[in-house]
């Protein structure tokens, strides 16, 4: 499942899914614009974040997850999923959710 045309480890898929979460004790809402096994692009311009902040969130069609802000992107931030303390079952659920997005026609994104 490695992306071959760029330096990203995992292939990303364009989606449009609701997300609610918490960064630094503050709640936020937004949209997920793309997702991979390793992370997601979160569109939430008013989330109030800094790089490396811990994020807890719930994504429509994906469930509960957590990760870290890695960088700002236009309109939001790039989230790297945290596999620390994740059970094998949680990892399998994440893989199944990505497979579902793919089977529903989510477009692979090469950039």
N, C-alpha and C. Protein backbone atom coordinates (compact mmCIF):
# COMPACT_ATOMS: atom_id res chain seq x y z
N UNK A 1 0.82 -1.19 0.00
CA UNK A 1 0.00 0.00 0.00
C UNK A 1 0.86 1.25 0.00
N UNK A 2 2.04 1.15 -0.47
CA UNK A 2 2.94 2.28 -0.53
C UNK A 2 2.70 3.11 -1.77
N UNK A 3 2.75 4.42 -1.65
CA UNK A 3 2.61 5.31 -2.79
C UNK A 3 3.92 5.29 -3.56
N UNK A 4 3.83 5.18 -4.87
CA UNK A 4 5.05 5.03 -5.65
C UNK A 4 5.50 6.30 -6.34
N UNK A 5 4.61 7.26 -6.52
CA UNK A 5 4.97 8.44 -7.30
C UNK A 5 5.46 9.61 -6.48
N UNK A 6 5.56 9.46 -5.17
CA UNK A 6 6.08 10.53 -4.34
C UNK A 6 6.76 9.93 -3.12
N UNK A 7 7.16 10.76 -2.21
CA UNK A 7 7.92 10.29 -1.05
C UNK A 7 7.03 9.88 0.11
N UNK A 8 5.73 9.93 -0.07
CA UNK A 8 4.83 9.54 1.00
C UNK A 8 4.86 8.03 1.19
N UNK A 9 4.75 7.62 2.43
CA UNK A 9 4.80 6.20 2.74
C UNK A 9 3.52 5.49 2.32
N UNK A 10 2.37 6.15 2.48
CA UNK A 10 1.09 5.53 2.19
C UNK A 10 0.33 6.33 1.14
N UNK A 11 -0.45 5.61 0.35
CA UNK A 11 -1.30 6.24 -0.64
C UNK A 11 -2.42 6.99 0.08
N UNK A 12 -2.71 8.21 -0.40
CA UNK A 12 -3.78 9.02 0.19
C UNK A 12 -5.02 8.94 -0.68
N UNK A 13 -6.17 9.10 -0.04
CA UNK A 13 -7.45 9.07 -0.74
C UNK A 13 -8.23 10.32 -0.40
N UNK A 14 -8.74 10.97 -1.43
CA UNK A 14 -9.57 12.16 -1.22
C UNK A 14 -10.92 11.73 -0.70
N UNK A 15 -11.35 12.36 0.38
CA UNK A 15 -12.66 12.09 0.96
C UNK A 15 -13.24 13.42 1.45
N UNK A 16 -14.46 13.38 1.88
CA UNK A 16 -15.08 14.52 2.54
C UNK A 16 -15.89 13.96 3.70
N UNK A 17 -15.32 14.03 4.89
CA UNK A 17 -15.96 13.45 6.06
C UNK A 17 -15.88 14.42 7.24
N UNK A 18 -16.93 14.42 8.02
CA UNK A 18 -16.96 15.28 9.21
C UNK A 18 -15.99 14.77 10.26
N UNK A 19 -15.42 15.71 11.01
CA UNK A 19 -14.52 15.37 12.10
C UNK A 19 -14.79 16.32 13.27
N UNK A 20 -14.76 15.77 14.47
CA UNK A 20 -14.79 16.58 15.69
C UNK A 20 -13.63 16.11 16.54
N UNK A 21 -13.05 17.04 17.26
CA UNK A 21 -11.88 16.64 18.05
C UNK A 21 -11.53 17.64 19.11
N UNK A 22 -10.37 17.37 19.70
CA UNK A 22 -9.86 18.23 20.76
C UNK A 22 -8.35 18.36 20.62
N UNK A 23 -7.89 19.61 20.68
CA UNK A 23 -6.47 19.93 20.65
C UNK A 23 -6.18 20.81 21.86
N UNK A 24 -5.26 20.39 22.67
CA UNK A 24 -4.89 21.21 23.82
C UNK A 24 -6.06 21.58 24.71
N UNK A 25 -7.01 20.68 24.87
CA UNK A 25 -8.16 20.94 25.72
C UNK A 25 -9.26 21.76 25.07
N UNK A 26 -9.10 22.11 23.79
CA UNK A 26 -10.11 22.90 23.08
C UNK A 26 -10.77 22.07 22.00
N UNK A 27 -12.10 22.11 21.98
CA UNK A 27 -12.86 21.37 20.98
C UNK A 27 -12.81 22.07 19.63
N UNK A 28 -12.89 21.26 18.56
CA UNK A 28 -12.97 21.83 17.21
C UNK A 28 -13.81 20.91 16.33
N UNK A 29 -14.31 21.47 15.24
CA UNK A 29 -15.02 20.72 14.21
C UNK A 29 -14.37 21.02 12.88
N UNK A 30 -14.49 20.11 11.96
CA UNK A 30 -13.92 20.34 10.64
C UNK A 30 -14.30 19.24 9.67
N UNK A 31 -13.51 19.13 8.63
CA UNK A 31 -13.71 18.12 7.58
C UNK A 31 -12.37 17.45 7.30
N UNK A 32 -12.41 16.20 6.93
CA UNK A 32 -11.23 15.48 6.48
C UNK A 32 -11.25 15.56 4.96
N UNK A 33 -10.16 16.06 4.35
CA UNK A 33 -10.14 16.17 2.89
C UNK A 33 -9.36 15.05 2.24
N UNK A 34 -8.44 14.44 2.95
CA UNK A 34 -7.80 13.23 2.46
C UNK A 34 -7.26 12.43 3.63
N UNK A 35 -7.06 11.14 3.37
CA UNK A 35 -6.67 10.24 4.45
C UNK A 35 -5.78 9.13 3.90
N UNK A 36 -4.91 8.62 4.76
CA UNK A 36 -4.08 7.46 4.44
C UNK A 36 -3.95 6.64 5.72
N UNK A 37 -3.23 5.54 5.64
CA UNK A 37 -2.98 4.76 6.85
C UNK A 37 -2.15 5.54 7.86
N UNK A 38 -1.38 6.52 7.38
CA UNK A 38 -0.48 7.26 8.26
C UNK A 38 -0.99 8.58 8.78
N UNK A 39 -2.04 9.13 8.16
CA UNK A 39 -2.50 10.43 8.61
C UNK A 39 -3.65 10.96 7.79
N UNK A 40 -3.97 12.24 8.02
CA UNK A 40 -5.11 12.86 7.34
C UNK A 40 -4.90 14.37 7.25
N UNK A 41 -5.56 14.96 6.27
CA UNK A 41 -5.60 16.42 6.15
C UNK A 41 -6.90 16.87 6.79
N UNK A 42 -6.80 17.69 7.82
CA UNK A 42 -7.95 18.17 8.58
C UNK A 42 -8.19 19.64 8.22
N UNK A 43 -9.36 19.92 7.66
CA UNK A 43 -9.72 21.28 7.29
C UNK A 43 -10.52 21.89 8.43
N UNK A 44 -9.88 22.76 9.18
CA UNK A 44 -10.50 23.43 10.31
C UNK A 44 -9.67 24.66 10.63
N UNK A 45 -9.93 25.75 9.90
CA UNK A 45 -9.07 26.93 10.04
C UNK A 45 -9.06 27.55 11.43
N UNK A 46 -10.06 27.27 12.24
CA UNK A 46 -10.13 27.89 13.57
C UNK A 46 -9.83 26.90 14.69
N UNK A 47 -9.14 25.80 14.37
CA UNK A 47 -8.89 24.76 15.38
C UNK A 47 -7.94 25.23 16.47
N UNK A 48 -7.06 26.17 16.19
CA UNK A 48 -6.13 26.66 17.20
C UNK A 48 -5.12 25.61 17.61
N UNK A 49 -4.10 25.43 16.82
CA UNK A 49 -3.14 24.36 17.04
C UNK A 49 -1.71 24.86 16.86
N UNK A 50 -0.78 24.04 17.33
CA UNK A 50 0.64 24.24 17.10
C UNK A 50 1.22 22.90 16.66
N UNK A 51 2.32 22.93 15.93
CA UNK A 51 2.97 21.69 15.52
C UNK A 51 3.28 20.84 16.74
N UNK A 52 3.15 19.56 16.56
CA UNK A 52 3.44 18.53 17.57
C UNK A 52 2.41 18.45 18.70
N UNK A 53 1.30 19.18 18.60
CA UNK A 53 0.27 19.06 19.63
C UNK A 53 -0.47 17.75 19.44
N UNK A 54 -0.85 17.15 20.56
CA UNK A 54 -1.63 15.92 20.56
C UNK A 54 -3.07 16.22 20.19
N UNK A 55 -3.67 15.37 19.37
CA UNK A 55 -5.05 15.55 18.90
C UNK A 55 -5.84 14.27 19.13
N UNK A 56 -7.01 14.41 19.69
CA UNK A 56 -7.98 13.30 19.77
C UNK A 56 -9.12 13.69 18.86
N UNK A 57 -9.61 12.72 18.08
CA UNK A 57 -10.72 13.07 17.21
C UNK A 57 -11.56 11.87 16.83
N UNK A 58 -12.74 12.20 16.33
CA UNK A 58 -13.67 11.21 15.81
C UNK A 58 -13.99 11.61 14.38
N UNK A 59 -13.71 10.70 13.45
CA UNK A 59 -13.99 10.95 12.04
C UNK A 59 -15.16 10.09 11.59
N UNK A 60 -16.07 10.71 10.85
CA UNK A 60 -17.18 9.99 10.26
C UNK A 60 -16.64 8.86 9.39
N UNK A 61 -17.12 7.64 9.61
CA UNK A 61 -16.70 6.49 8.82
C UNK A 61 -15.36 5.91 9.24
N UNK A 62 -14.74 6.46 10.28
CA UNK A 62 -13.41 6.03 10.68
C UNK A 62 -13.36 5.73 12.17
N UNK A 63 -14.14 6.48 12.93
CA UNK A 63 -14.18 6.26 14.37
C UNK A 63 -13.18 7.12 15.13
N UNK A 64 -12.94 6.71 16.37
CA UNK A 64 -12.03 7.43 17.25
C UNK A 64 -10.58 7.17 16.85
N UNK A 65 -9.77 8.21 16.90
CA UNK A 65 -8.34 8.05 16.67
C UNK A 65 -7.60 9.20 17.32
N UNK A 66 -6.31 9.16 17.25
CA UNK A 66 -5.48 10.20 17.84
C UNK A 66 -4.21 10.35 17.02
N UNK A 67 -3.56 11.47 17.23
CA UNK A 67 -2.32 11.71 16.49
C UNK A 67 -1.72 13.04 16.90
N UNK A 68 -0.85 13.54 16.03
CA UNK A 68 -0.13 14.78 16.31
C UNK A 68 -0.20 15.70 15.11
N UNK A 69 -0.35 16.99 15.37
CA UNK A 69 -0.27 17.99 14.31
C UNK A 69 1.17 17.98 13.79
N UNK A 70 1.33 17.85 12.48
CA UNK A 70 2.67 17.85 11.91
C UNK A 70 3.02 19.15 11.21
N UNK A 71 2.02 19.80 10.60
CA UNK A 71 2.30 21.07 9.93
C UNK A 71 0.99 21.72 9.53
N UNK A 72 1.09 23.02 9.28
CA UNK A 72 -0.05 23.77 8.76
C UNK A 72 -0.20 23.47 7.28
N UNK A 73 -1.44 23.38 6.82
CA UNK A 73 -1.75 23.30 5.40
C UNK A 73 -2.83 24.35 5.14
N UNK A 74 -3.04 24.77 3.91
CA UNK A 74 -4.06 25.78 3.65
C UNK A 74 -5.43 25.35 4.19
N UNK A 75 -5.95 26.11 5.13
CA UNK A 75 -7.27 25.84 5.71
C UNK A 75 -7.30 24.86 6.86
N UNK A 76 -6.12 24.41 7.31
CA UNK A 76 -6.14 23.44 8.41
C UNK A 76 -4.76 22.92 8.77
N UNK A 77 -4.69 21.62 9.05
CA UNK A 77 -3.41 21.04 9.46
C UNK A 77 -3.30 19.59 9.00
N UNK A 78 -2.07 19.13 8.89
CA UNK A 78 -1.77 17.73 8.59
C UNK A 78 -1.64 16.99 9.91
N UNK A 79 -2.36 15.89 10.02
CA UNK A 79 -2.35 15.07 11.22
C UNK A 79 -1.62 13.77 10.92
N UNK A 80 -0.67 13.42 11.78
CA UNK A 80 -0.03 12.12 11.69
C UNK A 80 -0.64 11.24 12.77
N UNK A 81 -1.23 10.11 12.35
CA UNK A 81 -1.83 9.21 13.33
C UNK A 81 -0.77 8.67 14.27
N UNK A 82 -1.15 8.50 15.52
CA UNK A 82 -0.26 7.94 16.53
C UNK A 82 -0.57 6.47 16.69
N UNK A 83 0.44 5.64 16.50
CA UNK A 83 0.25 4.22 16.70
C UNK A 83 0.72 3.80 18.09
N UNK A 84 1.21 4.76 18.86
CA UNK A 84 1.60 4.47 20.24
C UNK A 84 0.37 4.00 21.00
N UNK A 85 0.52 2.96 21.70
CA UNK A 85 -0.54 2.39 22.54
C UNK A 85 -1.77 1.95 21.77
N UNK A 86 -1.67 1.82 20.44
CA UNK A 86 -2.81 1.30 19.67
C UNK A 86 -2.76 -0.22 19.69
N UNK A 87 -3.91 -0.81 19.86
CA UNK A 87 -3.99 -2.27 19.82
C UNK A 87 -3.98 -2.74 18.36
N UNK A 88 -3.70 -4.00 18.17
CA UNK A 88 -3.76 -4.56 16.82
C UNK A 88 -5.16 -4.42 16.25
N UNK A 89 -6.16 -4.54 17.09
CA UNK A 89 -7.55 -4.40 16.65
C UNK A 89 -7.80 -2.99 16.12
N UNK A 90 -7.30 -1.97 16.81
CA UNK A 90 -7.47 -0.59 16.35
C UNK A 90 -6.79 -0.37 15.00
N UNK A 91 -5.61 -0.95 14.83
CA UNK A 91 -4.90 -0.82 13.55
C UNK A 91 -5.70 -1.52 12.46
N UNK A 92 -6.25 -2.70 12.73
CA UNK A 92 -7.07 -3.40 11.73
C UNK A 92 -8.31 -2.59 11.37
N UNK A 93 -8.92 -1.94 12.37
CA UNK A 93 -10.10 -1.11 12.09
C UNK A 93 -9.73 0.06 11.17
N UNK A 94 -8.56 0.66 11.40
CA UNK A 94 -8.10 1.76 10.56
C UNK A 94 -7.90 1.26 9.13
N UNK A 95 -7.25 0.12 8.98
CA UNK A 95 -7.03 -0.45 7.65
C UNK A 95 -8.35 -0.76 6.96
N UNK A 96 -9.33 -1.28 7.71
CA UNK A 96 -10.64 -1.59 7.14
C UNK A 96 -11.36 -0.32 6.69
N UNK A 97 -11.24 0.75 7.48
CA UNK A 97 -11.88 2.01 7.11
C UNK A 97 -11.28 2.55 5.81
N UNK A 98 -9.96 2.49 5.67
CA UNK A 98 -9.31 2.95 4.44
C UNK A 98 -9.78 2.10 3.27
N UNK A 99 -9.88 0.79 3.45
CA UNK A 99 -10.35 -0.09 2.39
C UNK A 99 -11.78 0.27 2.00
N UNK A 100 -12.61 0.63 2.98
CA UNK A 100 -13.99 1.04 2.69
C UNK A 100 -14.01 2.32 1.87
N UNK A 101 -13.19 3.31 2.26
CA UNK A 101 -13.13 4.55 1.47
C UNK A 101 -12.74 4.23 0.04
N UNK A 102 -11.76 3.36 -0.14
CA UNK A 102 -11.30 3.00 -1.48
C UNK A 102 -12.43 2.32 -2.26
N UNK A 103 -13.14 1.38 -1.63
CA UNK A 103 -14.20 0.64 -2.34
C UNK A 103 -15.38 1.54 -2.69
N UNK A 104 -15.54 2.64 -1.95
CA UNK A 104 -16.63 3.58 -2.23
C UNK A 104 -16.25 4.59 -3.29
N UNK A 105 -15.09 4.39 -3.86
CA UNK A 105 -14.68 5.26 -4.95
C UNK A 105 -13.90 6.48 -4.55
N UNK A 106 -13.37 6.50 -3.34
CA UNK A 106 -12.54 7.65 -2.93
C UNK A 106 -11.36 7.71 -3.87
N UNK A 107 -11.08 8.89 -4.37
CA UNK A 107 -10.02 9.05 -5.36
C UNK A 107 -8.64 9.00 -4.74
N UNK A 108 -7.78 8.22 -5.35
CA UNK A 108 -6.38 8.21 -4.90
C UNK A 108 -5.77 9.55 -5.25
N UNK A 109 -4.99 10.06 -4.36
CA UNK A 109 -4.36 11.37 -4.53
C UNK A 109 -2.87 11.20 -4.60
N UNK A 110 -2.25 11.78 -5.58
CA UNK A 110 -0.83 11.55 -5.79
C UNK A 110 0.06 12.66 -5.25
N UNK A 111 -0.49 13.80 -4.89
CA UNK A 111 0.33 14.93 -4.43
C UNK A 111 0.60 14.85 -2.96
